[in-house]
Amino acid sequence: MKLIANYYRFLVWKLRQLFENYKINVRNYRRQNLVMSHIALLIILTFHVNRYSAYF
């Protein structure tokens, strides 16, 4: 139970970090780079979900 709570806390923290980076990217980059950062975000998110869902 504690593991799941820690996992969700970690995930929320990670998502907040990614979102901050994403907002910065939105401000700094043009549309092409935005697509690339979007793809990178999806890959990172998928990786994290796959990696940590293995524990449950």
C-alpha atoms as a PDB file:
ATOM      1  CA  MET A   1       0.000   0.000   0.000  1.00  0.00           C
ATOM      2  CA  LYS A   2       2.812   2.367   0.922  1.00  0.00           C
ATOM      3  CA  LEU A   3       4.578   1.516  -2.330  1.00  0.00           C
ATOM      4  CA  ILE A   4       1.543   2.549  -4.371  1.00  0.00           C
ATOM      5  CA  ALA A   5       1.241   5.830  -2.450  1.00  0.00           C
ATOM      6  CA  ASN A   6       4.922   6.571  -3.030  1.00  0.00           C
ATOM      7  CA  TYR A   7       4.530   5.671  -6.703  1.00  0.00           C
ATOM      8  CA  TYR A   8       1.655   8.110  -7.175  1.00  0.00           C
ATOM      9  CA  ARG A   9       3.510  10.844  -5.294  1.00  0.00           C
ATOM     10  CA  PHE A  10       6.500  10.260  -7.573  1.00  0.00           C
ATOM     11  CA  LEU A  11       4.306  10.265 -10.677  1.00  0.00           C
ATOM     12  CA  VAL A  12       2.619  13.553  -9.716  1.00  0.00           C
ATOM     13  CA  TRP A  13       6.017  15.134  -9.058  1.00  0.00           C
ATOM     14  CA  LYS A  14       7.352  13.836 -12.385  1.00  0.00           C
ATOM     15  CA  LEU A  15       4.296  15.056 -14.282  1.00  0.00           C
ATOM     16  CA  ARG A  16       4.579  18.495 -12.698  1.00  0.00           C
ATOM     17  CA  GLN A  17       8.241  18.642 -13.726  1.00  0.00           C
ATOM     18  CA  LEU A  18       7.412  17.570 -17.273  1.00  0.00           C
ATOM     19  CA  PHE A  19       4.579  20.081 -17.434  1.00  0.00           C
ATOM     20  CA  GLU A  20       6.876  22.907 -16.337  1.00  0.00           C
ATOM     21  CA  ASN A  21       9.387  21.910 -19.013  1.00  0.00           C
ATOM     22  CA  TYR A  22       6.565  21.661 -21.528  1.00  0.00           C
ATOM     23  CA  LYS A  23       5.303  25.170 -20.714  1.00  0.00           C
ATOM     24  CA  ILE A  24       8.841  26.504 -21.170  1.00  0.00           C
ATOM     25  CA  ASN A  25       9.051  24.676 -24.493  1.00  0.00           C
ATOM     26  CA  VAL A  26       5.742  26.184 -25.601  1.00  0.00           C
ATOM     27  CA  ARG A  27       7.116  29.635 -24.935  1.00  0.00           C
ATOM     28  CA  ASN A  28      10.537  29.101 -26.486  1.00  0.00           C
ATOM     29  CA  TYR A  29      10.055  26.969 -29.564  1.00  0.00           C
ATOM     30  CA  ARG A  30       8.282  27.201 -32.872  1.00  0.00           C
ATOM     31  CA  ARG A  31       5.673  24.691 -33.998  1.00  0.00           C
ATOM     32  CA  GLN A  32       8.076  22.039 -35.388  1.00  0.00           C
ATOM     33  CA  ASN A  33      10.012  21.763 -32.141  1.00  0.00           C
ATOM     34  CA  LEU A  34       6.746  21.719 -30.241  1.00  0.00           C
ATOM     35  CA  VAL A  35       5.740  18.529 -32.070  1.00  0.00           C
ATOM     36  CA  MET A  36       9.090  16.977 -31.182  1.00  0.00           C
ATOM     37  CA  SER A  37       8.764  17.849 -27.491  1.00  0.00           C
ATOM     38  CA  HIS A  38       5.218  16.478 -27.549  1.00  0.00           C
ATOM     39  CA  ILE A  39       6.479  13.165 -28.951  1.00  0.00           C
ATOM     40  CA  ALA A  40       9.292  13.120 -26.393  1.00  0.00           C
ATOM     41  CA  LEU A  41       6.764  13.736 -23.609  1.00  0.00           C
ATOM     42  CA  LEU A  42       4.615  10.838 -24.778  1.00  0.00           C
ATOM     43  CA  ILE A  43       7.633   8.532 -24.981  1.00  0.00           C
ATOM     44  CA  ILE A  44       8.816   9.510 -21.491  1.00  0.00           C
ATOM     45  CA  LEU A  45       5.335   9.105 -20.016  1.00  0.00           C
ATOM     46  CA  THR A  46       4.821   5.730 -21.682  1.00  0.00           C
ATOM     47  CA  PHE A  47       8.227   4.588 -20.461  1.00  0.00           C
ATOM     48  CA  HIS A  48       7.465   5.585 -16.860  1.00  0.00           C
ATOM     49  CA  VAL A  49       4.017   3.989 -16.865  1.00  0.00           C
ATOM     50  CA  ASN A  50       5.367   0.741 -18.326  1.00  0.00           C
ATOM     51  CA  ARG A  51       8.330   0.653 -15.952  1.00  0.00           C
ATOM     52  CA  TYR A  52       6.349   1.226 -12.773  1.00  0.00           C
ATOM     53  CA  SER A  53       3.191  -0.673 -13.646  1.00  0.00           C
ATOM     54  CA  ALA A  54       5.364  -3.806 -13.597  1.00  0.00           C
ATOM     55  CA  TYR A  55       5.473  -3.524  -9.781  1.00  0.00           C
ATOM     56  CA  PHE A  56       1.726  -3.961  -9.431  1.00  0.00           C
END
